[in-house]
Amino acid sequence: MEILVCVKWVPDTAENEIEVNRDGSDIERDDLVYSVNEWDNYAVEEAIQICDKVGGNVTVVTVGDEETEEVLRREMAMGADNGLLLHDDAFDGSDGRGIATVLKAAVQKGQYDLILTGAQADDGAAQVGGMLAAMLDYPYASLVNKIEVDGDTLKVGREIEGGNQEMNAIAMPCVLSIQTGINEPRYVGIRGIRKVASVEIPQQGVDTLGIDAAMVGAIGARVKRLDYFVPDLGEGAEMLEGSNEEIIAKLIELLKAKGGLK
């Protein structure tokens, strides 16, 4: 089985104090520590486990610049077989649709049975996986937390409201967006990192992918971020004390007073 996993290099919120820049156009990115997007890491681990069971190859792909090669090498050290960097100045400023357009072209250049993405990335939009599937006209499932291979079909479990599990049979090729908790991503050791440090990672741009530059980047973006800001702090929380019955009675009175209950 040939599996393509889409990954992204994102600011590590555990290592950084995220601040908005002076003009509100972006966050301060100087000296930020980056790491692989958490959801994508689970997707790579799942791809590796699938190929360990049924055979095949895992390719990790990212849209970015030369510095983002690090995310590819990190996932190759984890166990992915190949890396692919989609890099072109024309990609700068792409919205979710633009990123999906670039990834679609990369998918069509290969022969992949399964495409995995993380359920969401640092912007929280959770849209690239679904857009990519729609552009490819492939079956799609989001929030996937279980995958079983059954010939040319996958049995896919996905998280739905109320903590319930939905099971589907999906024919390949397909696109799945992976939820955290589907597995336990393996530890990446120094030996693995050194092993892939000098591996040449191919790059593809507008010309090699056959993309119309007007469809991607800032020019092709239909969604633009107008402003970043830190919300004003509201009033402090009111702590209710007493027994459960007393707290419930106080809460009901507060809700009535504020118009939440009649």
Protein backbone atom coordinates (compact mmCIF):
# COMPACT_ATOMS: atom_id res chain seq x y z
CA MET A 1 0.00 0.00 0.00
CA GLU A 2 1.25 3.47 -0.90
CA ILE A 3 0.33 6.05 1.74
CA LEU A 4 0.87 9.81 1.55
CA VAL A 5 0.76 11.75 4.83
CA CYS A 6 0.42 15.53 4.77
CA VAL A 7 2.37 17.17 7.60
CA LYS A 8 2.99 20.70 8.79
CA TRP A 9 5.69 22.50 10.78
CA VAL A 10 3.98 24.63 13.45
CA PRO A 11 5.00 26.81 16.42
CA ASP A 12 5.38 24.67 19.53
CA THR A 13 3.06 26.23 22.11
CA ALA A 14 4.80 24.31 24.90
CA GLU A 15 8.11 26.00 24.03
CA ASN A 16 6.91 29.46 23.00
CA GLU A 17 5.04 32.41 24.41
CA ILE A 18 2.86 33.39 21.47
CA GLU A 19 2.48 37.15 21.01
CA VAL A 20 0.79 39.30 18.36
CA ASN A 21 3.10 41.64 16.50
CA ARG A 22 2.75 45.43 16.71
CA ASP A 23 0.58 45.96 13.64
CA GLY A 24 -1.63 42.93 14.33
CA SER A 25 -0.81 41.34 10.99
CA ASP A 26 0.66 38.13 12.43
CA ILE A 27 2.20 36.59 15.52
CA GLU A 28 5.81 37.33 16.40
CA ARG A 29 7.72 34.58 14.62
CA ASP A 30 11.32 35.55 15.38
CA ASP A 31 13.03 32.91 17.49
CA LEU A 32 9.95 30.66 17.64
CA VAL A 33 10.57 26.98 18.28
CA TYR A 34 8.77 24.78 15.74
CA SER A 35 7.70 21.14 15.84
CA VAL A 36 5.53 18.76 13.86
CA ASN A 37 1.79 19.40 14.14
CA GLU A 38 0.47 17.03 16.83
CA TRP A 39 -2.39 15.61 14.75
CA ASP A 40 -0.06 14.98 11.81
CA ASN A 41 2.30 13.01 14.04
CA TYR A 42 -0.51 10.58 14.86
CA ALA A 43 -1.29 10.30 11.13
CA VAL A 44 2.32 9.36 10.34
CA GLU A 45 2.38 6.76 13.12
CA GLU A 46 -0.86 5.25 11.83
CA ALA A 47 0.52 5.08 8.29
CA ILE A 48 3.67 3.32 9.52
CA GLN A 49 1.61 0.81 11.52
CA ILE A 50 -0.61 0.06 8.52
CA CYS A 51 2.41 -0.62 6.29
CA ASP A 52 3.99 -2.78 9.00
CA LYS A 53 0.86 -4.97 8.84
CA VAL A 54 0.08 -5.10 5.11
CA GLY A 55 3.29 -3.87 3.46
CA GLY A 56 3.88 -0.73 1.48
CA ASN A 57 5.56 2.67 1.72
CA VAL A 58 4.90 5.88 3.59
CA THR A 59 5.68 9.25 2.01
CA VAL A 60 5.42 12.45 4.05
CA VAL A 61 4.74 15.72 2.24
CA THR A 62 4.69 19.33 3.36
CA VAL A 63 4.09 22.72 1.76
CA GLY A 64 6.76 25.17 2.88
CA ASP A 65 10.35 26.32 2.40
CA GLU A 66 13.76 24.72 2.87
CA GLU A 67 13.56 25.16 6.64
CA THR A 68 10.45 23.00 6.79
CA GLU A 69 12.46 20.07 5.48
CA GLU A 70 13.09 19.47 9.16
CA VAL A 71 9.54 18.21 9.67
CA LEU A 72 10.03 15.73 6.83
CA ARG A 73 13.33 14.47 8.22
CA ARG A 74 11.79 14.14 11.66
CA GLU A 75 8.97 11.96 10.32
CA MET A 76 11.39 9.96 8.18
CA ALA A 77 13.45 9.35 11.32
CA MET A 78 10.22 8.13 12.88
CA GLY A 79 9.83 5.53 10.11
CA ALA A 80 8.41 7.14 6.97
CA ASP A 81 10.14 5.91 3.81
CA ASN A 82 10.20 9.09 1.71
CA GLY A 83 9.82 12.84 1.99
CA LEU A 84 8.51 15.39 -0.50
CA LEU A 85 8.82 19.18 -0.15
CA LEU A 86 6.38 21.36 -2.09
CA HIS A 87 8.20 24.65 -2.28
CA ASP A 88 7.64 27.70 -4.48
CA ASP A 89 7.45 31.42 -3.76
CA ALA A 90 4.07 31.31 -5.51
CA PHE A 91 2.70 29.23 -2.60
CA ASP A 92 3.33 31.99 -0.04
CA GLY A 93 0.12 33.31 1.49
CA SER A 94 -2.04 30.37 0.39
CA ASP A 95 -5.31 29.84 2.23
CA GLY A 96 -6.68 26.36 2.95
CA ARG A 97 -7.99 26.00 -0.58
CA GLY A 98 -4.61 26.97 -2.00
CA ILE A 99 -2.78 24.41 0.17
CA ALA A 100 -5.28 21.74 -0.89
CA THR A 101 -4.70 22.70 -4.54
CA VAL A 102 -0.95 22.20 -4.14
CA LEU A 103 -1.42 18.87 -2.35
CA LYS A 104 -3.90 17.70 -4.99
CA ALA A 105 -1.29 18.20 -7.70
CA ALA A 106 1.26 16.23 -5.67
CA VAL A 107 -1.21 13.37 -5.16
CA GLN A 108 -1.92 13.21 -8.88
CA LYS A 109 1.81 12.98 -9.60
CA GLY A 110 2.00 9.78 -7.56
CA GLN A 111 0.08 6.54 -7.16
CA TYR A 112 -1.31 6.63 -3.63
CA ASP A 113 -3.90 4.31 -2.16
CA LEU A 114 -4.44 6.34 0.98
CA ILE A 115 -3.91 9.99 1.89
CA LEU A 116 -3.83 10.97 5.55
CA THR A 117 -3.91 14.40 7.15
CA GLY A 118 -4.17 15.54 10.74
CA ALA A 119 -7.66 16.46 11.89
CA GLN A 120 -6.48 20.08 12.21
CA ALA A 121 -3.34 22.19 12.45
CA ASP A 122 -2.22 25.37 14.20
CA ASP A 123 -4.89 27.61 12.67
CA GLY A 124 -7.66 25.25 13.84
CA ALA A 125 -9.57 25.45 10.55
CA ALA A 126 -9.71 21.66 9.99
CA GLN A 127 -10.42 22.21 6.30
CA VAL A 128 -7.51 21.02 4.14
CA GLY A 129 -8.31 17.30 4.38
CA GLY A 130 -11.92 17.76 3.31
CA MET A 131 -11.02 20.19 0.54
CA LEU A 132 -8.33 17.86 -0.78
CA ALA A 133 -10.79 14.94 -0.88
CA ALA A 134 -13.38 17.06 -2.69
CA MET A 135 -10.85 18.23 -5.28
CA LEU A 136 -9.72 14.65 -5.89
CA ASP A 137 -13.30 13.33 -5.79
CA TYR A 138 -12.18 10.75 -3.21
CA PRO A 139 -14.19 9.36 -0.29
CA TYR A 140 -13.43 11.20 2.94
CA ALA A 141 -13.80 10.75 6.69
CA SER A 142 -12.78 13.18 9.43
CA LEU A 143 -11.87 12.69 13.10
CA VAL A 144 -10.79 9.12 12.38
CA ASN A 145 -9.66 7.16 15.45
CA LYS A 146 -9.61 3.61 14.07
CA ILE A 147 -8.49 2.06 10.77
CA GLU A 148 -8.64 -1.59 9.72
CA VAL A 149 -7.52 -2.74 6.26
CA ASP A 150 -9.83 -5.22 4.51
CA GLY A 151 -8.49 -5.75 0.99
CA ASP A 152 -9.25 -2.66 -1.09
CA THR A 153 -11.57 -1.34 1.60
CA LEU A 154 -10.90 0.31 4.93
CA LYS A 155 -13.06 -0.08 8.02
CA VAL A 156 -12.91 3.36 9.59
CA GLY A 157 -14.05 4.46 13.01
CA ARG A 158 -14.66 8.11 13.67
CA GLU A 159 -15.48 10.17 16.71
CA ILE A 160 -18.94 11.75 16.75
CA GLU A 161 -20.97 13.74 19.26
CA GLY A 162 -21.72 12.32 22.67
CA GLY A 163 -18.58 10.20 22.77
CA ASN A 164 -20.08 7.75 20.29
CA GLN A 165 -18.20 5.82 17.61
CA GLU A 166 -19.31 5.68 13.98
CA MET A 167 -18.02 2.85 11.75
CA ASN A 168 -17.82 3.12 7.96
CA ALA A 169 -16.48 1.06 5.07
CA ILE A 170 -14.53 3.27 2.66
CA ALA A 171 -13.06 2.19 -0.66
CA MET A 172 -9.55 3.26 -1.58
CA PRO A 173 -8.16 5.58 -2.76
CA CYS A 174 -9.51 7.87 -0.07
CA VAL A 175 -8.58 10.73 2.26
CA LEU A 176 -8.78 10.43 6.05
CA SER A 177 -8.19 13.13 8.68
CA ILE A 178 -6.71 11.55 11.80
CA GLN A 179 -7.71 12.36 15.37
CA THR A 180 -5.26 12.33 18.25
CA GLY A 181 -5.39 9.21 20.41
CA ILE A 182 -5.69 6.76 17.52
CA ASN A 183 -2.28 5.38 18.52
CA GLU A 184 0.83 6.23 20.51
CA PRO A 185 3.44 7.90 18.26
CA ARG A 186 6.83 6.28 18.67
CA TYR A 187 9.87 7.99 20.10
CA VAL A 188 12.31 9.44 17.58
CA GLY A 189 15.89 8.73 18.64
CA ILE A 190 19.16 10.39 17.72
CA ARG A 191 20.19 7.38 15.64
CA GLY A 192 17.12 7.74 13.43
CA ILE A 193 17.68 11.47 13.02
CA ARG A 194 21.30 10.95 12.00
CA LYS A 195 20.29 8.24 9.54
CA VAL A 196 18.13 10.62 7.50
CA ALA A 197 20.15 13.81 8.04
CA SER A 198 21.86 13.63 4.66
CA VAL A 199 19.01 12.07 2.65
CA GLU A 200 18.16 14.21 -0.37
CA ILE A 201 14.52 15.30 -0.28
CA PRO A 202 12.99 16.11 -3.69
CA GLN A 203 11.23 19.43 -4.21
CA GLN A 204 8.35 20.29 -6.47
CA GLY A 205 7.05 23.71 -7.41
CA VAL A 206 4.53 25.37 -9.69
CA ASP A 207 6.16 24.16 -12.91
CA THR A 208 6.80 20.55 -11.89
CA LEU A 209 3.33 20.22 -10.35
CA GLY A 210 1.60 21.87 -13.30
CA ILE A 211 -0.24 24.40 -11.13
CA ASP A 212 -1.68 27.73 -12.29
CA ALA A 213 0.09 30.20 -9.99
CA ALA A 214 -3.03 32.39 -9.96
CA MET A 215 -4.89 29.64 -8.09
CA VAL A 216 -2.54 29.56 -5.09
CA GLY A 217 -0.63 31.94 -2.84
CA ALA A 218 -1.89 35.34 -1.75
CA ILE A 219 -3.18 36.04 -5.27
CA GLY A 220 -5.48 33.02 -5.29
CA ALA A 221 -6.52 33.19 -1.64
CA ARG A 222 -10.25 33.67 -1.08
CA VAL A 223 -9.84 33.84 2.69
CA LYS A 224 -7.54 36.46 4.14
CA ARG A 225 -6.68 37.18 7.76
CA LEU A 226 -7.41 40.82 8.46
CA ASP A 227 -6.25 41.09 12.04
CA TYR A 228 -4.71 39.26 14.99
CA PHE A 229 -5.57 40.43 18.48
CA VAL A 230 -5.67 39.31 22.09
CA PRO A 231 -9.26 39.45 23.45
CA ASP A 232 -9.87 41.83 26.32
CA LEU A 233 -10.01 40.14 29.68
CA GLY A 234 -13.50 39.87 31.15
CA GLU A 235 -14.46 40.08 34.78
CA GLY A 236 -13.17 37.40 37.12
CA ALA A 237 -15.10 34.20 37.67
CA GLU A 238 -17.44 33.97 40.62
CA MET A 239 -16.81 30.89 42.72
CA LEU A 240 -19.89 29.27 44.28
CA GLU A 241 -19.48 27.48 47.56
CA GLY A 242 -21.65 25.12 49.59
CA SER A 243 -23.21 21.72 49.09
CA ASN A 244 -24.20 20.53 45.61
CA GLU A 245 -27.81 21.51 46.27
CA GLU A 246 -26.79 24.96 47.49
CA ILE A 247 -24.50 25.54 44.52
CA ILE A 248 -27.23 24.46 42.08
CA ALA A 249 -29.74 26.83 43.73
CA LYS A 250 -27.26 29.74 43.59
CA LEU A 251 -26.41 28.98 39.94
CA ILE A 252 -30.09 28.97 38.96
CA GLU A 253 -30.62 32.34 40.67
CA LEU A 254 -27.60 33.81 38.89
CA LEU A 255 -28.76 32.54 35.52
CA LYS A 256 -32.21 34.02 36.12
CA ALA A 257 -30.71 37.33 37.16
CA LYS A 258 -28.61 37.49 33.99
CA GLY A 259 -31.47 36.49 31.70
CA GLY A 260 -30.22 32.99 31.02
CA LEU A 261 -33.30 31.36 32.57
CA LYS A 262 -36.90 32.46 32.86
